[in-house]
Amino acid sequence: MGYSISVKNLICFFTLAVLFISCNRDEVVVAESGQAPVIELDSEDGIYAVKIGRELVIAPTYQYADHALFAWTIEGKLISTDPTLKYTWDESGEVFITLRVDNENGHAEEEVKVEVRDLLPPAINLYVPAKGLKVQKGVENTLTAVIAHSDLAGFKVEWVRAGVVVSTDMTYTFKENQVGVFPITITASNEDGETKKELEIEVVENMPYKVVFPAPSYEQSVSTRYTFVGRPVFLRPLLDYFENPQYRWSVDGKPVEGETGRVYKFTPSFAGEYRITVSVTEMQNGISVESAVTVVCVNGSEASGYRAASGASSAYSNRVYEYTPAPGQFINETNTGGFTGSESTREAAVEYASKRIAKQSYVSLGSFGGYIIVGFDHSIQNKGGYDFAIQGNAFDSSNEPGIVWVMQDVNGNGLPDDEWYELRGSETGKPTTIQDYEVTYFRPASDGSHTYWIDNLGNTGWVDFNAYHTQPYYYPLWITADSYTLYGTRLLPRNSQSPSTGYWSNSPYDWGYADNCGSDMLTGDSYDGSGQKNGFKISNAMYHDGSPVNLQYIDFIKVQNGALAKSGVLGEISTEVFSFQDLNMNK
């Protein structure tokens, strides 16, 4: 099922060939001369699925392709010279096809992935939160399923409750007036097979309202906060199931008058432990839930915790403490991503990131909220200028902003379990910047599936599975839960697609972000990301309300992807970091 001529030989004869291929170009958009061709695939993610024996049609559109030469190849063997590929396979497997288009001004290439399958049964994805499906008695709740391969012939879906079909749509509105546990079965079928997904809905008299104070990171469980005399901490609880909450705060059992907001600024006046309690009341029914957090005001000054650099100290970070990326196309990837495919524990993930950072190879943070935490063998001083640098791979049209956070080791235990402070950037305080943003990612239902998410504003979407990164799925292997939530600050995306070329561009932000060609870029050609670094000032550390912290030094750095967006075939915007450097070592 191929030709004996290779694409290399074909291209060599391009000058002669263009004289004979000017016909049969109905799919080609003729544009002005003097430009290399542009290919726009008819699949957003570059992945096509087809069954054995069924003809696959791939019909891109083209610009600047009048009198062009088209070459479709599999492993260097030419299979077609038409603008549209029509092809049939007689065995299953994954096939990678390269499309090359040449004209007298240059060429363009795209690689697509074809999944040749015996069968394409449905795959059911359903947003089921880690807290479980709990609903209040007598209240309507709408469940939505996302089902792959629903476009095949004979597709149907059924929601079955107690042996009765209650819905044949992608959604089912559940309402029950009795308390108990109610099993639901979703059955989806098409011409290739049937798939079932079972779930349980717990109906309760009153919702199991939950109020907790978050730990400093996903991998930590202790929420204790540490500070110095006169340095405030901003306390913000996380809520489950509340619809209309009201807040009351107390310190060591004494109510704080006038504090009724979700965020409480507490400033200790003397060293010791404080117990801060918040009572959250659901205004719809008057039910209240309390939660408390300990704030430790250490006995000592900020300066006493400073760790001076020695002659043996390195200007570069010496330890990765945590690596918790969001799902993304480079996560679990064993080719360019550098994973082994066996990173199934937190320790293995940290080891992976540590080795990569040590040799200044990129570590991807995945989609929004993914982060890495590093430390140094000394404290980094605040000297007023650029105190440290973070290496990324940004260039002119490829910027993937990483928000930077810093921390002092206030409790002196050598771990990043103290207070994180966001560094101010050009987008801080803008109406388009969302503070306290949350995204929950869900484990894909099957290999090769998109990774779905839902945010705390009620929006849903997914991280695309694409043709260029073919690991089974992009959900981190070492995250054992079927869903996890990441918190942070979200920036307004600056990605766009050119209407003339179809190319995607991720434009830079003015300053303040890693992996970004801003005014704070210290090194790196704007057209070449190799060696690209941004400088950061400790003096830009700020509290939750945007006021300056005025830190004398820092001990830990966290970089977190601040964007939730996709750029077509380029995939999700995902911050990459290579190294962390103290710029004050030799000053």
Protein backbone atom coordinates (compact mmCIF):
# COMPACT_ATOMS: atom_id res chain seq x y z
CA MET A 1 0.00 0.00 0.00
CA GLY A 2 2.67 2.47 -0.95
CA TYR A 3 4.90 3.71 -3.76
CA SER A 4 8.53 2.85 -4.36
CA ILE A 5 9.63 6.47 -4.76
CA SER A 6 10.72 8.31 -1.60
CA VAL A 7 9.70 11.85 -0.67
CA LYS A 8 13.35 12.95 -0.84
CA ASN A 9 13.56 12.03 -4.50
CA LEU A 10 10.20 13.56 -5.15
CA ILE A 11 11.26 16.92 -3.75
CA CYS A 12 14.39 16.88 -5.87
CA PHE A 13 12.21 16.93 -8.93
CA PHE A 14 9.93 19.67 -7.69
CA THR A 15 10.85 22.15 -10.43
CA LEU A 16 9.75 19.74 -13.13
CA ALA A 17 6.76 18.43 -11.21
CA VAL A 18 5.05 21.77 -10.70
CA LEU A 19 4.49 21.93 -14.47
CA PHE A 20 2.24 18.91 -14.31
CA ILE A 21 0.30 19.27 -11.05
CA SER A 22 -1.59 22.50 -11.58
CA CYS A 23 -4.88 20.65 -12.06
CA ASN A 24 -7.09 18.96 -9.50
CA ARG A 25 -6.53 21.62 -6.83
CA ASP A 26 -10.09 22.45 -5.80
CA GLU A 27 -9.14 22.21 -2.10
CA VAL A 28 -6.30 24.69 -2.44
CA VAL A 29 -6.81 28.32 -1.47
CA VAL A 30 -4.79 30.37 -3.96
CA ALA A 31 -3.12 33.35 -2.33
CA GLU A 32 -0.50 35.90 -3.18
CA SER A 33 2.89 34.73 -4.33
CA GLY A 34 6.21 35.10 -2.56
CA GLN A 35 5.20 33.10 0.53
CA ALA A 36 5.94 29.61 1.73
CA PRO A 37 2.87 27.34 1.97
CA VAL A 38 0.65 27.23 5.06
CA ILE A 39 -1.20 24.07 6.14
CA GLU A 40 -4.38 24.14 8.22
CA LEU A 41 -5.48 20.64 9.28
CA ASP A 42 -9.15 19.74 9.52
CA SER A 43 -8.54 18.27 12.99
CA GLU A 44 -7.76 20.68 15.82
CA ASP A 45 -5.53 18.23 17.69
CA GLY A 46 -4.05 16.48 14.63
CA ILE A 47 -5.46 13.08 15.64
CA TYR A 48 -7.67 10.95 13.40
CA ALA A 49 -9.40 7.70 14.24
CA VAL A 50 -10.56 5.15 11.70
CA LYS A 51 -11.55 1.52 11.70
CA ILE A 52 -9.87 -1.22 9.69
CA GLY A 53 -11.20 -1.36 6.16
CA ARG A 54 -12.86 2.06 6.33
CA GLU A 55 -11.46 4.88 4.17
CA LEU A 56 -9.98 7.81 6.06
CA VAL A 57 -10.20 11.22 4.43
CA ILE A 58 -7.89 14.02 5.63
CA ALA A 59 -8.71 17.29 3.87
CA PRO A 60 -6.54 20.21 5.00
CA THR A 61 -6.90 23.69 3.62
CA TYR A 62 -3.87 25.53 2.29
CA GLN A 63 -2.58 29.03 1.70
CA TYR A 64 0.12 30.05 -0.77
CA ALA A 65 -0.18 26.63 -2.38
CA ASP A 66 -0.93 27.37 -6.01
CA HIS A 67 1.26 25.07 -8.14
CA ALA A 68 2.60 23.45 -4.97
CA LEU A 69 3.86 19.91 -4.58
CA PHE A 70 2.09 17.72 -2.03
CA ALA A 71 3.70 14.69 -0.39
CA TRP A 72 2.05 12.39 2.17
CA THR A 73 4.52 9.90 3.63
CA ILE A 74 4.62 7.11 6.21
CA GLU A 75 8.12 6.34 7.48
CA GLY A 76 9.58 8.06 4.42
CA LYS A 77 7.43 6.16 1.92
CA LEU A 78 5.20 8.23 -0.31
CA ILE A 79 1.51 7.29 -0.17
CA SER A 80 -0.12 10.21 -1.98
CA THR A 81 0.59 13.43 -3.91
CA ASP A 82 -2.93 14.82 -3.69
CA PRO A 83 -3.96 17.74 -1.49
CA THR A 84 -6.54 15.48 0.16
CA LEU A 85 -5.47 12.10 1.52
CA LYS A 86 -7.78 9.11 1.07
CA TYR A 87 -6.38 5.93 2.57
CA THR A 88 -7.45 2.58 3.96
CA TRP A 89 -5.62 0.31 6.41
CA ASP A 90 -5.97 -3.43 6.80
CA GLU A 91 -4.49 -3.77 10.31
CA SER A 92 -4.84 -1.89 13.58
CA GLY A 93 -2.23 0.30 15.24
CA GLU A 94 -0.93 3.85 15.48
CA VAL A 95 0.34 5.44 12.27
CA PHE A 96 2.16 8.75 11.92
CA ILE A 97 1.82 10.53 8.59
CA THR A 98 3.89 13.49 7.46
CA LEU A 99 2.38 15.99 5.07
CA ARG A 100 4.86 18.20 3.25
CA VAL A 101 3.92 21.01 0.89
CA ASP A 102 6.56 22.70 -1.25
CA ASN A 103 6.49 25.72 -3.51
CA GLU A 104 9.27 27.82 -4.98
CA ASN A 105 9.37 29.98 -1.83
CA GLY A 106 9.73 27.26 0.77
CA HIS A 107 7.83 24.42 2.40
CA ALA A 108 5.53 23.54 5.30
CA GLU A 109 5.17 20.28 7.22
CA GLU A 110 2.58 18.80 9.55
CA GLU A 111 2.53 15.42 11.28
CA VAL A 112 -0.75 13.71 12.05
CA LYS A 113 -1.53 10.67 14.13
CA VAL A 114 -3.94 8.04 12.84
CA GLU A 115 -5.40 5.51 15.26
CA VAL A 116 -6.44 2.49 13.24
CA ARG A 117 -8.76 0.47 15.45
CA ASP A 118 -10.72 -2.69 15.27
CA LEU A 119 -13.56 -0.99 17.13
CA LEU A 120 -14.37 2.50 18.47
CA PRO A 121 -16.81 1.94 21.36
CA PRO A 122 -17.90 4.97 23.41
CA ALA A 123 -15.75 6.28 26.28
CA ILE A 124 -17.70 7.96 29.09
CA ASN A 125 -16.29 10.92 31.03
CA LEU A 126 -18.27 12.34 33.93
CA TYR A 127 -17.42 15.15 36.32
CA VAL A 128 -17.48 13.37 39.68
CA PRO A 129 -15.82 15.47 42.40
CA ALA A 130 -13.43 13.86 44.84
CA LYS A 131 -15.83 14.75 47.65
CA GLY A 132 -18.42 12.47 46.02
CA LEU A 133 -21.85 12.99 44.56
CA LYS A 134 -23.95 14.26 47.41
CA VAL A 135 -27.20 16.14 46.86
CA GLN A 136 -29.79 17.58 49.17
CA LYS A 137 -33.21 16.00 49.47
CA GLY A 138 -35.73 17.57 47.11
CA VAL A 139 -33.17 19.61 45.15
CA GLU A 140 -32.57 19.20 41.41
CA ASN A 141 -29.03 18.43 40.25
CA THR A 142 -28.03 18.08 36.61
CA LEU A 143 -25.34 15.56 35.67
CA THR A 144 -23.52 15.92 32.34
CA ALA A 145 -21.62 13.15 30.55
CA VAL A 146 -18.98 13.74 27.89
CA ILE A 147 -18.87 10.71 25.59
CA ALA A 148 -16.21 10.06 22.97
CA HIS A 149 -17.13 8.41 19.63
CA SER A 150 -20.71 9.55 19.89
CA ASP A 151 -20.53 10.47 16.20
CA LEU A 152 -20.47 6.84 15.04
CA ALA A 153 -23.56 5.17 13.60
CA GLY A 154 -26.06 3.72 16.04
CA PHE A 155 -25.03 5.89 18.95
CA LYS A 156 -27.36 6.07 21.92
CA VAL A 157 -27.06 6.75 25.62
CA GLU A 158 -29.24 5.69 28.51
CA TRP A 159 -29.27 6.72 32.17
CA VAL A 160 -30.82 3.89 34.18
CA ARG A 161 -32.11 4.23 37.73
CA ALA A 162 -33.77 1.32 39.54
CA GLY A 163 -34.12 -0.52 36.25
CA VAL A 164 -35.88 2.39 34.56
CA VAL A 165 -34.44 4.52 31.76
CA VAL A 166 -34.63 8.09 33.08
CA SER A 167 -32.79 9.92 30.30
CA THR A 168 -31.55 9.33 26.76
CA ASP A 169 -29.59 12.60 26.55
CA MET A 170 -26.07 13.56 27.57
CA THR A 171 -27.59 15.12 30.69
CA TYR A 172 -29.78 13.79 33.46
CA THR A 173 -31.53 15.91 36.06
CA PHE A 174 -31.68 14.02 39.36
CA LYS A 175 -34.17 14.80 42.13
CA GLU A 176 -35.09 12.63 45.09
CA ASN A 177 -37.27 13.33 48.14
CA GLN A 178 -35.97 10.40 50.19
CA VAL A 179 -32.65 10.13 51.98
CA GLY A 180 -30.41 7.28 50.84
CA VAL A 181 -27.89 6.05 48.27
CA PHE A 182 -29.15 5.71 44.70
CA PRO A 183 -27.15 3.83 42.04
CA ILE A 184 -27.14 5.20 38.50
CA THR A 185 -25.84 3.38 35.42
CA ILE A 186 -24.89 5.19 32.23
CA THR A 187 -24.85 2.97 29.16
CA ALA A 188 -23.48 4.31 25.87
CA SER A 189 -23.37 2.31 22.67
CA ASN A 190 -22.60 2.69 18.98
CA GLU A 191 -22.04 0.33 16.09
CA ASP A 192 -18.74 -0.76 17.62
CA GLY A 193 -19.80 -1.69 21.11
CA GLU A 194 -21.18 -0.71 24.48
CA THR A 195 -19.66 0.98 27.54
CA LYS A 196 -21.11 1.29 31.05
CA LYS A 197 -20.27 3.64 33.89
CA GLU A 198 -21.75 3.18 37.35
CA LEU A 199 -22.02 5.82 40.03
CA GLU A 200 -23.82 6.40 43.29
CA ILE A 201 -25.66 9.53 44.35
CA GLU A 202 -26.07 10.05 48.06
CA VAL A 203 -29.17 12.02 49.02
CA VAL A 204 -28.86 13.73 52.41
CA GLU A 205 -31.17 15.71 54.66
CA ASN A 206 -28.69 18.55 54.70
CA MET A 207 -25.51 18.91 52.70
CA PRO A 208 -22.30 17.82 54.47
CA TYR A 209 -20.91 21.34 54.53
CA LYS A 210 -17.17 21.41 54.90
CA VAL A 211 -14.79 24.20 55.85
CA VAL A 212 -11.01 23.66 55.84
CA PHE A 213 -7.91 25.81 55.79
CA PRO A 214 -5.53 24.84 53.01
CA ALA A 215 -2.00 23.57 53.51
CA PRO A 216 0.84 25.42 51.74
CA SER A 217 0.84 22.89 48.86
CA TYR A 218 -0.99 19.88 47.44
CA GLU A 219 1.47 17.38 48.94
CA GLN A 220 1.22 18.81 52.45
CA SER A 221 -1.50 18.17 55.01
CA VAL A 222 -0.72 20.54 57.91
CA SER A 223 -2.33 23.98 57.66
CA THR A 224 -0.47 25.71 60.52
CA ARG A 225 0.68 29.24 59.58
CA TYR A 226 3.91 30.90 60.71
CA THR A 227 4.80 34.57 60.96
CA PHE A 228 6.64 37.24 62.96
CA VAL A 229 5.32 39.89 65.33
CA GLY A 230 3.60 42.58 63.31
CA ARG A 231 3.57 40.58 60.04
CA PRO A 232 -0.01 39.72 59.04
CA VAL A 233 -1.30 36.44 57.69
CA PHE A 234 -4.30 36.34 55.37
CA LEU A 235 -6.61 33.44 56.17
CA ARG A 236 -9.02 32.11 53.54
CA PRO A 237 -10.93 28.86 54.10
CA LEU A 238 -11.94 26.43 51.36
CA LEU A 239 -15.61 25.54 51.24
CA ASP A 240 -17.59 22.52 50.05
CA TYR A 241 -21.31 22.60 49.22
CA PHE A 242 -22.04 26.13 50.47
CA GLU A 243 -24.21 28.26 48.19
CA ASN A 244 -24.74 31.45 50.22
CA PRO A 245 -22.18 31.52 53.06
CA GLN A 246 -21.81 34.07 55.84
CA TYR A 247 -18.61 34.34 57.90
CA ARG A 248 -17.79 35.09 61.54
CA TRP A 249 -14.23 35.10 62.89
CA SER A 250 -12.78 34.70 66.37
CA VAL A 251 -9.28 34.66 67.90
CA ASP A 252 -8.71 32.36 70.87
CA GLY A 253 -12.47 32.18 71.40
CA LYS A 254 -13.07 35.94 71.25
CA PRO A 255 -15.22 37.19 68.34
CA VAL A 256 -13.63 39.72 66.00
CA GLU A 257 -16.09 42.52 65.51
CA GLY A 258 -16.74 43.63 61.95
CA GLU A 259 -14.97 40.68 60.30
CA THR A 260 -17.57 39.09 58.02
CA GLY A 261 -15.59 38.42 54.84
CA ARG A 262 -14.08 35.19 53.57
CA VAL A 263 -10.52 36.54 53.93
CA TYR A 264 -9.36 37.59 57.38
CA LYS A 265 -6.18 39.59 57.91
CA PHE A 266 -4.71 38.62 61.27
CA THR A 267 -1.71 40.48 62.68
CA PRO A 268 -0.15 39.05 65.88
CA SER A 269 1.13 41.53 68.44
CA PHE A 270 3.27 39.12 70.45
CA ALA A 271 4.99 35.75 70.05
CA GLY A 272 3.01 32.59 70.72
CA GLU A 273 0.26 30.41 69.29
CA TYR A 274 -3.13 31.73 68.25
CA ARG A 275 -6.22 29.70 67.41
CA ILE A 276 -8.21 31.41 64.66
CA THR A 277 -11.72 30.09 64.11
CA VAL A 278 -14.15 30.80 61.32
CA SER A 279 -17.84 29.96 61.56
CA VAL A 280 -19.53 29.66 58.16
CA THR A 281 -23.33 29.73 58.01
CA GLU A 282 -25.36 28.63 55.01
CA MET A 283 -27.97 31.37 54.79
CA GLN A 284 -30.51 29.14 52.99
CA ASN A 285 -31.04 26.95 56.06
CA GLY A 286 -29.07 28.47 58.94
CA ILE A 287 -26.66 25.53 59.31
CA SER A 288 -23.20 26.55 60.58
CA VAL A 289 -19.84 24.80 60.37
CA GLU A 290 -16.69 25.81 62.23
CA SER A 291 -13.05 25.30 61.33
CA ALA A 292 -9.89 26.45 63.07
CA VAL A 293 -6.29 27.07 62.11
CA THR A 294 -3.24 27.62 64.28
CA VAL A 295 -1.11 30.69 63.68
CA VAL A 296 2.34 30.54 65.25
CA CYS A 297 4.11 33.82 65.83
CA VAL A 298 7.72 32.77 66.28
CA ASN A 299 9.88 34.16 69.03
CA GLY A 300 12.63 35.90 67.14
CA SER A 301 13.40 38.42 64.45
CA GLU A 302 13.32 38.01 60.69
CA ALA A 303 17.07 38.49 60.51
CA SER A 304 17.73 35.56 62.84
CA GLY A 305 16.59 33.08 60.19
CA TYR A 306 18.91 34.32 57.46
CA ARG A 307 21.27 31.63 56.07
CA ALA A 308 24.37 33.26 54.63
CA ALA A 309 26.08 31.77 51.59
CA SER A 310 29.42 30.07 52.17
CA GLY A 311 32.36 29.60 49.86
CA ALA A 312 30.93 26.23 48.90
CA SER A 313 27.45 27.57 48.15
CA SER A 314 26.00 27.36 44.67
CA ALA A 315 24.20 30.21 42.97
CA TYR A 316 21.69 27.66 41.65
CA SER A 317 18.92 25.86 43.48
CA ASN A 318 20.02 22.64 45.14
CA ARG A 319 16.73 20.88 45.82
CA VAL A 320 13.28 20.32 44.33
CA TYR A 321 10.80 19.98 47.20
CA GLU A 322 7.65 19.34 45.23
CA TYR A 323 6.62 18.87 41.62
CA THR A 324 2.86 18.99 41.10
CA PRO A 325 2.05 19.83 37.49
CA ALA A 326 -1.38 20.14 36.00
CA PRO A 327 -2.20 17.74 33.17
CA GLY A 328 -0.37 18.65 29.98
CA GLN A 329 1.12 17.27 26.78
CA PHE A 330 4.62 16.94 28.26
CA ILE A 331 3.50 15.19 31.46
CA ASN A 332 4.41 11.45 31.52
CA GLU A 333 6.02 11.88 28.08
CA THR A 334 9.01 9.57 27.56
CA ASN A 335 10.40 11.20 24.42
CA THR A 336 11.13 14.93 24.64
CA GLY A 337 9.60 15.15 28.12
CA GLY A 338 12.28 12.93 29.63
CA PHE A 339 9.99 10.75 31.78
CA THR A 340 10.68 7.04 32.11
CA GLY A 341 7.01 6.11 32.31
CA SER A 342 7.44 4.72 35.83
CA GLU A 343 7.02 7.95 37.85
CA SER A 344 4.14 6.61 39.90
CA THR A 345 5.05 8.16 43.27
CA ARG A 346 5.61 11.66 44.58
CA GLU A 347 9.24 10.77 45.29
CA ALA A 348 9.80 9.58 41.73
CA ALA A 349 8.27 12.79 40.35
CA VAL A 350 10.55 14.93 42.52
CA GLU A 351 13.56 12.87 41.44
CA TYR A 352 12.60 13.38 37.79
CA ALA A 353 12.31 17.15 38.23
CA SER A 354 15.51 17.33 40.28
CA LYS A 355 17.58 15.60 37.60
CA ARG A 356 16.13 17.80 34.89
CA ILE A 357 16.74 21.05 36.78
CA ALA A 358 20.28 19.95 37.71
CA LYS A 359 21.26 19.71 34.04
CA GLN A 360 19.12 22.71 33.00
CA SER A 361 16.63 20.69 31.00
CA TYR A 362 13.06 21.89 30.90
CA VAL A 363 10.40 20.83 33.38
CA SER A 364 6.86 21.44 32.18
CA LEU A 365 4.22 22.64 34.65
CA GLY A 366 1.28 21.54 32.49
CA SER A 367 -1.93 23.54 32.32
CA PHE A 368 -3.14 26.19 34.78
CA GLY A 369 -2.04 25.82 38.38
CA GLY A 370 0.77 23.32 37.87
CA TYR A 371 3.84 24.21 39.93
CA ILE A 372 7.33 23.36 41.13
CA ILE A 373 8.95 24.32 44.46
CA VAL A 374 12.73 24.68 44.83
CA GLY A 375 15.17 25.78 47.51
CA PHE A 376 18.79 26.85 47.88
CA ASP A 377 21.65 26.00 50.24
CA HIS A 378 21.47 29.60 51.48
CA SER A 379 19.05 32.49 51.71
CA ILE A 380 18.70 34.91 48.80
CA GLN A 381 19.05 38.51 49.94
CA ASN A 382 16.77 41.34 48.94
CA LYS A 383 19.15 43.93 47.50
CA GLY A 384 16.54 46.00 45.68
CA GLY A 385 17.32 44.93 42.12
CA TYR A 386 16.90 41.65 40.34
CA ASP A 387 17.68 39.18 43.11
CA PHE A 388 17.17 35.89 41.29
CA ALA A 389 16.59 34.58 37.78
CA ILE A 390 14.44 31.81 36.35
CA GLN A 391 15.32 30.26 33.02
CA GLY A 392 12.53 29.45 30.58
CA ASN A 393 12.26 28.95 26.83
CA ALA A 394 10.15 31.90 25.76
CA PHE A 395 10.68 33.62 22.45
CA ASP A 396 8.96 36.25 20.37
CA SER A 397 5.62 34.48 19.80
CA SER A 398 5.82 31.77 22.47
CA ASN A 399 5.24 33.05 26.01
CA GLU A 400 3.74 30.86 28.73
CA PRO A 401 3.57 32.93 31.92
CA GLY A 402 4.68 31.40 35.19
CA ILE A 403 3.59 33.30 38.29
CA VAL A 404 6.35 33.40 40.89
CA TRP A 405 5.86 32.96 44.64
CA VAL A 406 8.47 33.25 47.40
CA MET A 407 8.71 32.03 51.00
CA GLN A 408 10.90 32.50 54.07
CA ASP A 409 11.70 29.56 56.33
CA VAL A 410 10.07 31.28 59.29
CA ASN A 411 9.74 28.18 61.48
CA GLY A 412 13.33 27.16 60.70
CA ASN A 413 12.60 23.51 59.84
CA GLY A 414 14.12 23.67 56.35
CA LEU A 415 10.83 22.90 54.59
CA PRO A 416 8.53 25.08 52.44
CA ASP A 417 5.63 24.92 54.90
CA ASP A 418 5.44 28.60 55.84
CA GLU A 419 3.79 31.52 54.02
CA TRP A 420 3.78 31.98 50.25
CA TYR A 421 3.89 35.50 48.81
CA GLU A 422 3.08 36.20 45.19
CA LEU A 423 5.46 38.49 43.31
CA ARG A 424 3.77 41.47 41.73
CA GLY A 425 3.64 41.47 37.92
CA SER A 426 2.29 43.70 35.20
CA GLU A 427 -1.16 42.05 35.44
CA THR A 428 -1.55 42.35 39.21
CA GLY A 429 -4.73 44.16 40.19
CA LYS A 430 -6.22 44.27 36.70
CA PRO A 431 -9.93 43.41 36.40
CA THR A 432 -9.00 40.60 33.98
CA THR A 433 -6.76 38.90 36.57
CA ILE A 434 -8.60 36.37 38.77
CA GLN A 435 -7.29 35.91 42.29
CA ASP A 436 -8.15 32.77 44.29
CA TYR A 437 -8.90 30.80 41.13
CA GLU A 438 -9.44 27.02 41.39
CA VAL A 439 -9.40 24.30 38.73
CA THR A 440 -10.24 20.63 39.32
CA TYR A 441 -8.82 18.13 36.83
CA PHE A 442 -10.34 14.68 36.27
CA ARG A 443 -8.57 11.46 35.36
CA PRO A 444 -9.38 10.51 31.72
CA ALA A 445 -11.80 7.65 31.17
CA SER A 446 -9.50 5.90 28.69
CA ASP A 447 -6.06 6.11 27.11
CA GLY A 448 -5.75 8.76 24.41
CA SER A 449 -8.59 10.84 25.89
CA HIS A 450 -8.72 14.53 26.68
CA THR A 451 -8.36 15.55 30.33
CA TYR A 452 -11.48 17.36 31.53
CA TRP A 453 -11.63 20.14 34.11
CA ILE A 454 -14.09 22.34 35.97
CA ASP A 455 -13.30 25.64 37.72
CA ASN A 456 -14.75 27.41 40.75
CA LEU A 457 -16.71 29.75 38.46
CA GLY A 458 -18.68 26.89 36.92
CA ASN A 459 -16.74 26.76 33.65
CA THR A 460 -15.71 23.43 32.11
CA GLY A 461 -13.26 22.38 29.41
CA TRP A 462 -10.43 19.98 28.71
CA VAL A 463 -6.71 19.67 28.03
CA ASP A 464 -6.42 18.32 24.48
CA PHE A 465 -4.79 14.98 23.74
CA ASN A 466 -2.78 15.61 20.56
CA ALA A 467 -0.88 13.79 17.83
CA TYR A 468 2.57 14.92 18.91
CA HIS A 469 2.62 13.50 22.44
CA THR A 470 1.24 9.98 22.46
CA GLN A 471 1.71 8.78 26.03
CA PRO A 472 -1.54 7.12 27.26
CA TYR A 473 -2.75 10.22 29.06
CA TYR A 474 -1.59 13.60 30.38
CA TYR A 475 -2.84 13.25 33.97
CA PRO A 476 0.23 12.88 36.27
CA LEU A 477 0.90 9.20 36.99
CA TRP A 478 1.73 9.89 40.65
CA ILE A 479 -1.57 11.63 41.42
CA THR A 480 -3.55 8.69 42.77
CA ALA A 481 -6.87 10.50 43.25
CA ASP A 482 -9.32 10.51 40.35
CA SER A 483 -9.42 14.29 40.56
CA TYR A 484 -7.34 17.04 42.13
CA THR A 485 -7.67 20.77 42.56
CA LEU A 486 -5.04 23.45 42.02
CA TYR A 487 -5.31 27.02 43.35
CA GLY A 488 -3.68 30.23 42.25
CA THR A 489 -3.94 33.46 40.30
CA ARG A 490 -5.17 33.31 36.71
CA LEU A 491 -4.05 35.74 34.03
CA LEU A 492 -6.03 36.72 30.96
CA PRO A 493 -4.58 34.67 28.06
CA ARG A 494 -2.72 36.52 25.34
CA ASN A 495 -2.88 33.86 22.65
CA SER A 496 -4.30 34.48 19.20
CA GLN A 497 -4.48 32.90 15.76
CA SER A 498 -3.49 34.83 12.64
CA PRO A 499 -6.43 35.06 10.21
CA SER A 500 -4.01 35.16 7.27
CA THR A 501 -1.55 32.35 8.14
CA GLY A 502 -3.49 30.29 10.67
CA TYR A 503 -0.45 30.30 12.95
CA TRP A 504 -0.94 30.62 16.69
CA SER A 505 0.97 33.14 18.80
CA ASN A 506 1.30 33.44 22.57
CA SER A 507 2.13 37.11 23.10
CA PRO A 508 4.29 38.30 26.04
CA TYR A 509 3.21 40.07 29.20
CA ASP A 510 4.94 43.31 30.15
CA TRP A 511 6.92 42.02 33.16
CA GLY A 512 6.89 39.86 36.26
CA TYR A 513 6.52 36.30 34.92
CA ALA A 514 8.77 33.35 34.14
CA ASP A 515 8.98 31.90 30.62
CA ASN A 516 8.00 35.27 29.23
CA CYS A 517 9.75 37.83 27.00
CA GLY A 518 8.99 40.84 29.17
CA SER A 519 11.04 43.92 29.96
CA ASP A 520 12.67 41.92 32.79
CA MET A 521 14.26 39.41 30.41
CA LEU A 522 17.96 39.28 31.24
CA THR A 523 19.26 36.93 28.53
CA GLY A 524 17.98 35.13 25.48
CA ASP A 525 17.30 36.15 21.95
CA SER A 526 13.65 37.12 21.52
CA TYR A 527 13.54 34.80 18.53
CA ASP A 528 15.38 31.95 20.20
CA GLY A 529 14.48 30.72 23.66
CA SER A 530 17.83 29.10 24.40
CA GLY A 531 19.21 30.60 27.60
CA GLN A 532 16.19 32.85 28.07
CA LYS A 533 16.01 34.18 31.66
CA ASN A 534 13.79 36.58 33.57
CA GLY A 535 14.93 38.57 36.58
CA PHE A 536 12.82 38.87 39.74
CA LYS A 537 12.83 41.27 42.67
CA ILE A 538 12.09 40.11 46.19
CA SER A 539 10.85 43.64 46.84
CA ASN A 540 7.82 42.78 44.66
CA ALA A 541 6.57 40.21 47.18
CA MET A 542 3.05 41.15 48.27
CA TYR A 543 0.30 40.12 50.64
CA HIS A 544 -3.08 38.87 49.49
CA ASP A 545 -4.39 42.45 49.42
CA GLY A 546 -1.55 43.63 47.19
CA SER A 547 0.41 45.52 49.84
CA PRO A 548 4.20 44.95 50.01
CA VAL A 549 5.67 42.43 52.45
CA ASN A 550 9.18 43.97 52.56
CA LEU A 551 11.08 40.70 52.96
CA GLN A 552 14.78 40.88 53.81
CA TYR A 553 15.46 37.54 52.10
CA ILE A 554 13.79 34.36 50.81
CA ASP A 555 14.51 30.63 51.09
CA PHE A 556 12.07 28.98 48.66
CA ILE A 557 10.65 29.75 45.20
CA LYS A 558 7.50 28.42 43.58
CA VAL A 559 6.64 28.86 39.91
CA GLN A 560 3.05 28.20 38.91
CA ASN A 561 1.42 28.32 35.48
CA GLY A 562 -0.90 31.33 35.46
CA ALA A 563 -2.75 30.67 32.19
CA LEU A 564 -5.66 28.39 31.27
CA ALA A 565 -5.79 28.40 27.50
CA LYS A 566 -5.10 26.37 24.35
CA SER A 567 -3.43 27.48 21.14
CA GLY A 568 -4.71 25.09 18.50
CA VAL A 569 -2.21 22.44 17.41
CA LEU A 570 0.36 23.92 19.82
CA GLY A 571 -1.70 22.54 22.68
CA GLU A 572 -2.22 24.02 26.12
CA ILE A 573 -0.19 26.97 27.36
CA SER A 574 2.25 25.36 29.80
CA THR A 575 5.06 27.12 31.64
CA GLU A 576 8.50 25.51 31.30
CA VAL A 577 11.39 26.13 33.71
CA PHE A 578 15.04 25.10 33.38
CA SER A 579 16.94 26.62 36.30
CA PHE A 580 16.77 28.96 39.32
CA GLN A 581 19.73 31.27 40.06
CA ASP A 582 20.65 33.62 42.90
CA LEU A 583 21.87 36.80 41.18
CA ASN A 584 23.30 38.31 44.39
CA MET A 585 25.96 35.68 45.06
CA ASN A 586 28.79 37.79 43.70
CA LYS A 587 27.51 41.21 44.61
